[in-house]
Amino acid sequence: MIYIAIDGDNIHHKFEKCLLQNDEKNIIRTSMEITNTIDRVINHLQHEKMKIVFSAGDLILCKCDAVDLIELSNYLERMSNAVSVGIGDTL
């Protein structure tokens, strides 16, 4: 079994900037963008036969029997400016 953790980078900085600027409209827009991106990534992972173990905020943990790391890397690069990915055979 392969476990994959995908975490959005610098998300809290985007919200912090909006808070400091008292920019509620941008907080709402940013939140919707993140939620939509996470939903699309989850749908893609499930389509690739990966099981979602956990998803909250900007973090997704999934598992699978095998993964094409180049395809996954390319997909994530197209979906987001910056994510961190951890891959291992244990949690």
N, C-alpha and C. Protein backbone atom coordinates (compact mmCIF):
# COMPACT_ATOMS: atom_id res chain seq x y z
N MET A 1 0.85 -1.18 0.00
CA MET A 1 0.00 0.00 0.00
C MET A 1 0.89 1.24 0.00
N ILE A 2 0.51 2.23 -0.79
CA ILE A 2 1.22 3.50 -0.87
C ILE A 2 0.32 4.60 -0.30
N TYR A 3 0.85 5.39 0.61
CA TYR A 3 0.13 6.53 1.16
C TYR A 3 0.69 7.81 0.55
N ILE A 4 -0.21 8.72 0.21
CA ILE A 4 0.19 9.99 -0.39
C ILE A 4 -0.50 11.13 0.36
N ALA A 5 0.30 12.05 0.87
CA ALA A 5 -0.23 13.24 1.54
C ALA A 5 0.05 14.45 0.64
N ILE A 6 -0.99 15.21 0.36
CA ILE A 6 -0.88 16.40 -0.48
C ILE A 6 -1.35 17.59 0.35
N ASP A 7 -0.48 18.60 0.46
CA ASP A 7 -0.76 19.75 1.32
C ASP A 7 -0.50 21.03 0.55
N GLY A 8 -1.49 21.92 0.52
CA GLY A 8 -1.31 23.22 -0.12
C GLY A 8 -0.33 24.08 0.65
N ASP A 9 0.58 24.71 -0.07
CA ASP A 9 1.59 25.55 0.57
C ASP A 9 1.12 26.99 0.68
N ASN A 10 1.47 27.62 1.79
CA ASN A 10 1.26 29.06 2.02
C ASN A 10 -0.20 29.50 1.99
N ILE A 11 -1.11 28.58 2.22
CA ILE A 11 -2.53 28.94 2.22
C ILE A 11 -2.84 29.92 3.35
N HIS A 12 -2.29 29.65 4.53
CA HIS A 12 -2.60 30.53 5.66
C HIS A 12 -2.10 31.95 5.41
N HIS A 13 -1.03 32.12 4.64
CA HIS A 13 -0.53 33.47 4.33
C HIS A 13 -1.53 34.25 3.49
N LYS A 14 -2.21 33.55 2.58
CA LYS A 14 -3.22 34.23 1.76
C LYS A 14 -4.35 34.75 2.63
N PHE A 15 -4.80 33.91 3.58
CA PHE A 15 -5.88 34.35 4.47
C PHE A 15 -5.42 35.44 5.42
N GLU A 16 -4.21 35.30 5.92
CA GLU A 16 -3.67 36.30 6.84
C GLU A 16 -3.60 37.67 6.16
N LYS A 17 -3.17 37.70 4.92
CA LYS A 17 -3.10 38.95 4.17
C LYS A 17 -4.49 39.58 4.04
N CYS A 18 -5.48 38.76 3.73
CA CYS A 18 -6.86 39.26 3.61
C CYS A 18 -7.35 39.81 4.95
N LEU A 19 -7.04 39.10 6.03
CA LEU A 19 -7.46 39.55 7.35
C LEU A 19 -6.84 40.90 7.70
N LEU A 20 -5.54 41.03 7.45
CA LEU A 20 -4.84 42.27 7.77
C LEU A 20 -5.35 43.44 6.92
N GLN A 21 -5.84 43.14 5.72
CA GLN A 21 -6.37 44.17 4.83
C GLN A 21 -7.87 44.35 4.99
N ASN A 22 -8.47 43.59 5.93
CA ASN A 22 -9.91 43.66 6.18
C ASN A 22 -10.69 43.42 4.87
N ASP A 23 -10.25 42.41 4.12
CA ASP A 23 -10.77 42.15 2.78
C ASP A 23 -11.65 40.89 2.78
N GLU A 24 -12.88 41.04 3.22
CA GLU A 24 -13.80 39.91 3.32
C GLU A 24 -14.10 39.29 1.96
N LYS A 25 -14.28 40.12 0.93
CA LYS A 25 -14.58 39.59 -0.40
C LYS A 25 -13.46 38.68 -0.90
N ASN A 26 -12.21 39.05 -0.66
CA ASN A 26 -11.09 38.24 -1.11
C ASN A 26 -10.96 36.96 -0.28
N ILE A 27 -11.32 37.02 1.00
CA ILE A 27 -11.32 35.80 1.82
C ILE A 27 -12.33 34.81 1.26
N ILE A 28 -13.51 35.27 0.92
CA ILE A 28 -14.55 34.40 0.37
C ILE A 28 -14.09 33.82 -0.97
N ARG A 29 -13.55 34.66 -1.84
CA ARG A 29 -13.07 34.20 -3.15
C ARG A 29 -11.95 33.18 -3.00
N THR A 30 -11.00 33.46 -2.13
CA THR A 30 -9.88 32.55 -1.90
C THR A 30 -10.36 31.22 -1.34
N SER A 31 -11.28 31.28 -0.40
CA SER A 31 -11.83 30.07 0.19
C SER A 31 -12.52 29.21 -0.86
N MET A 32 -13.30 29.84 -1.73
CA MET A 32 -14.00 29.10 -2.79
C MET A 32 -13.00 28.48 -3.77
N GLU A 33 -11.96 29.22 -4.12
CA GLU A 33 -10.94 28.69 -5.03
C GLU A 33 -10.25 27.47 -4.44
N ILE A 34 -9.90 27.54 -3.17
CA ILE A 34 -9.23 26.42 -2.50
C ILE A 34 -10.16 25.21 -2.43
N THR A 35 -11.40 25.44 -2.03
CA THR A 35 -12.37 24.35 -1.93
C THR A 35 -12.58 23.69 -3.29
N ASN A 36 -12.73 24.50 -4.33
CA ASN A 36 -12.94 23.95 -5.68
C ASN A 36 -11.73 23.16 -6.15
N THR A 37 -10.55 23.66 -5.89
CA THR A 37 -9.33 22.95 -6.29
C THR A 37 -9.21 21.62 -5.54
N ILE A 38 -9.45 21.64 -4.24
CA ILE A 38 -9.38 20.41 -3.44
C ILE A 38 -10.40 19.40 -3.98
N ASP A 39 -11.61 19.84 -4.28
CA ASP A 39 -12.64 18.93 -4.81
C ASP A 39 -12.20 18.32 -6.14
N ARG A 40 -11.60 19.12 -7.02
CA ARG A 40 -11.14 18.60 -8.31
C ARG A 40 -10.00 17.61 -8.13
N VAL A 41 -9.09 17.89 -7.22
CA VAL A 41 -7.98 16.96 -6.96
C VAL A 41 -8.52 15.64 -6.40
N ILE A 42 -9.44 15.72 -5.45
CA ILE A 42 -10.04 14.50 -4.88
C ILE A 42 -10.72 13.69 -5.98
N ASN A 43 -11.49 14.35 -6.83
CA ASN A 43 -12.15 13.63 -7.93
C ASN A 43 -11.14 12.94 -8.83
N HIS A 44 -10.05 13.62 -9.13
CA HIS A 44 -9.00 13.03 -9.97
C HIS A 44 -8.38 11.82 -9.28
N LEU A 45 -8.05 11.96 -8.01
CA LEU A 45 -7.45 10.84 -7.28
C LEU A 45 -8.38 9.64 -7.25
N GLN A 46 -9.65 9.87 -7.01
CA GLN A 46 -10.61 8.78 -6.99
C GLN A 46 -10.74 8.14 -8.37
N HIS A 47 -10.72 8.96 -9.41
CA HIS A 47 -10.76 8.44 -10.77
C HIS A 47 -9.55 7.55 -11.05
N GLU A 48 -8.43 7.86 -10.43
CA GLU A 48 -7.20 7.08 -10.58
C GLU A 48 -7.15 5.90 -9.60
N LYS A 49 -8.30 5.58 -9.01
CA LYS A 49 -8.46 4.43 -8.11
C LYS A 49 -7.74 4.58 -6.77
N MET A 50 -7.59 5.82 -6.32
CA MET A 50 -7.01 6.06 -5.01
C MET A 50 -8.13 6.25 -4.00
N LYS A 51 -7.92 5.76 -2.80
CA LYS A 51 -8.92 5.88 -1.74
C LYS A 51 -8.55 7.07 -0.86
N ILE A 52 -9.50 7.97 -0.66
CA ILE A 52 -9.27 9.12 0.20
C ILE A 52 -9.42 8.66 1.65
N VAL A 53 -8.37 8.84 2.42
CA VAL A 53 -8.36 8.46 3.83
C VAL A 53 -8.81 9.65 4.68
N PHE A 54 -8.39 10.85 4.27
CA PHE A 54 -8.63 12.05 5.06
C PHE A 54 -8.57 13.26 4.14
N SER A 55 -9.46 14.20 4.35
CA SER A 55 -9.41 15.46 3.62
C SER A 55 -9.99 16.55 4.51
N ALA A 56 -9.19 17.59 4.75
CA ALA A 56 -9.65 18.74 5.53
C ALA A 56 -8.78 19.94 5.19
N GLY A 57 -9.42 21.09 5.10
CA GLY A 57 -8.66 22.29 4.77
C GLY A 57 -7.97 22.14 3.43
N ASP A 58 -6.65 22.24 3.45
CA ASP A 58 -5.87 22.11 2.22
C ASP A 58 -5.01 20.84 2.24
N LEU A 59 -5.45 19.84 2.99
CA LEU A 59 -4.70 18.59 3.12
C LEU A 59 -5.55 17.41 2.64
N ILE A 60 -4.92 16.56 1.84
CA ILE A 60 -5.56 15.32 1.38
C ILE A 60 -4.60 14.18 1.69
N LEU A 61 -5.13 13.12 2.28
CA LEU A 61 -4.36 11.89 2.50
C LEU A 61 -5.10 10.78 1.78
N CYS A 62 -4.39 10.09 0.88
CA CYS A 62 -5.01 9.00 0.14
C CYS A 62 -4.08 7.80 0.13
N LYS A 63 -4.63 6.67 -0.34
CA LYS A 63 -3.81 5.47 -0.45
C LYS A 63 -4.17 4.73 -1.74
N CYS A 64 -3.21 3.93 -2.20
CA CYS A 64 -3.42 3.18 -3.44
C CYS A 64 -2.41 2.04 -3.49
N ASP A 65 -2.61 1.16 -4.44
CA ASP A 65 -1.67 0.05 -4.63
C ASP A 65 -0.47 0.46 -5.47
N ALA A 66 -0.69 1.36 -6.43
CA ALA A 66 0.38 1.82 -7.31
C ALA A 66 0.04 3.22 -7.79
N VAL A 67 1.07 3.98 -8.14
CA VAL A 67 0.84 5.35 -8.61
C VAL A 67 1.91 5.71 -9.64
N ASP A 68 1.49 6.43 -10.68
CA ASP A 68 2.42 6.99 -11.65
C ASP A 68 2.83 8.36 -11.11
N LEU A 69 4.00 8.44 -10.51
CA LEU A 69 4.43 9.67 -9.84
C LEU A 69 4.62 10.83 -10.80
N ILE A 70 5.05 10.55 -12.00
CA ILE A 70 5.23 11.64 -12.98
C ILE A 70 3.87 12.22 -13.37
N GLU A 71 2.90 11.35 -13.64
CA GLU A 71 1.55 11.82 -13.99
C GLU A 71 0.95 12.61 -12.82
N LEU A 72 1.08 12.08 -11.60
CA LEU A 72 0.53 12.78 -10.43
C LEU A 72 1.21 14.13 -10.24
N SER A 73 2.51 14.16 -10.37
CA SER A 73 3.25 15.42 -10.24
C SER A 73 2.81 16.44 -11.28
N ASN A 74 2.68 16.00 -12.52
CA ASN A 74 2.24 16.89 -13.60
C ASN A 74 0.83 17.41 -13.35
N TYR A 75 -0.05 16.54 -12.89
CA TYR A 75 -1.43 16.94 -12.61
C TYR A 75 -1.46 18.00 -11.50
N LEU A 76 -0.76 17.73 -10.41
CA LEU A 76 -0.76 18.66 -9.28
C LEU A 76 -0.14 20.00 -9.65
N GLU A 77 0.86 19.97 -10.50
CA GLU A 77 1.49 21.22 -10.96
C GLU A 77 0.50 22.04 -11.78
N ARG A 78 -0.32 21.39 -12.58
CA ARG A 78 -1.34 22.11 -13.36
C ARG A 78 -2.45 22.67 -12.47
N MET A 79 -2.74 21.98 -11.38
CA MET A 79 -3.86 22.37 -10.53
C MET A 79 -3.53 23.48 -9.54
N SER A 80 -2.28 23.59 -9.13
CA SER A 80 -1.96 24.51 -8.05
C SER A 80 -0.57 25.08 -8.22
N ASN A 81 -0.37 26.27 -7.71
CA ASN A 81 0.94 26.89 -7.77
C ASN A 81 1.96 26.18 -6.89
N ALA A 82 1.54 25.75 -5.73
CA ALA A 82 2.51 25.16 -4.80
C ALA A 82 1.83 24.17 -3.86
N VAL A 83 2.28 22.93 -3.93
CA VAL A 83 1.85 21.91 -2.98
C VAL A 83 3.06 21.12 -2.54
N SER A 84 2.96 20.57 -1.35
CA SER A 84 3.96 19.62 -0.87
C SER A 84 3.33 18.25 -0.91
N VAL A 85 4.13 17.25 -1.28
CA VAL A 85 3.63 15.88 -1.39
C VAL A 85 4.57 14.97 -0.63
N GLY A 86 3.96 14.13 0.21
CA GLY A 86 4.73 13.10 0.91
C GLY A 86 4.22 11.74 0.46
N ILE A 87 5.14 10.83 0.19
CA ILE A 87 4.76 9.50 -0.29
C ILE A 87 5.52 8.47 0.53
N GLY A 88 4.80 7.43 0.99
CA GLY A 88 5.45 6.38 1.75
C GLY A 88 4.60 5.15 1.86
N ASP A 89 5.20 4.07 2.36
CA ASP A 89 4.45 2.83 2.52
C ASP A 89 3.81 2.72 3.91
N THR A 90 3.98 3.75 4.74
CA THR A 90 3.30 3.82 6.02
C THR A 90 2.77 5.24 6.19
N LEU A 91 1.86 5.40 7.12
CA LEU A 91 1.34 6.74 7.39
C LEU A 91 2.43 7.65 7.89
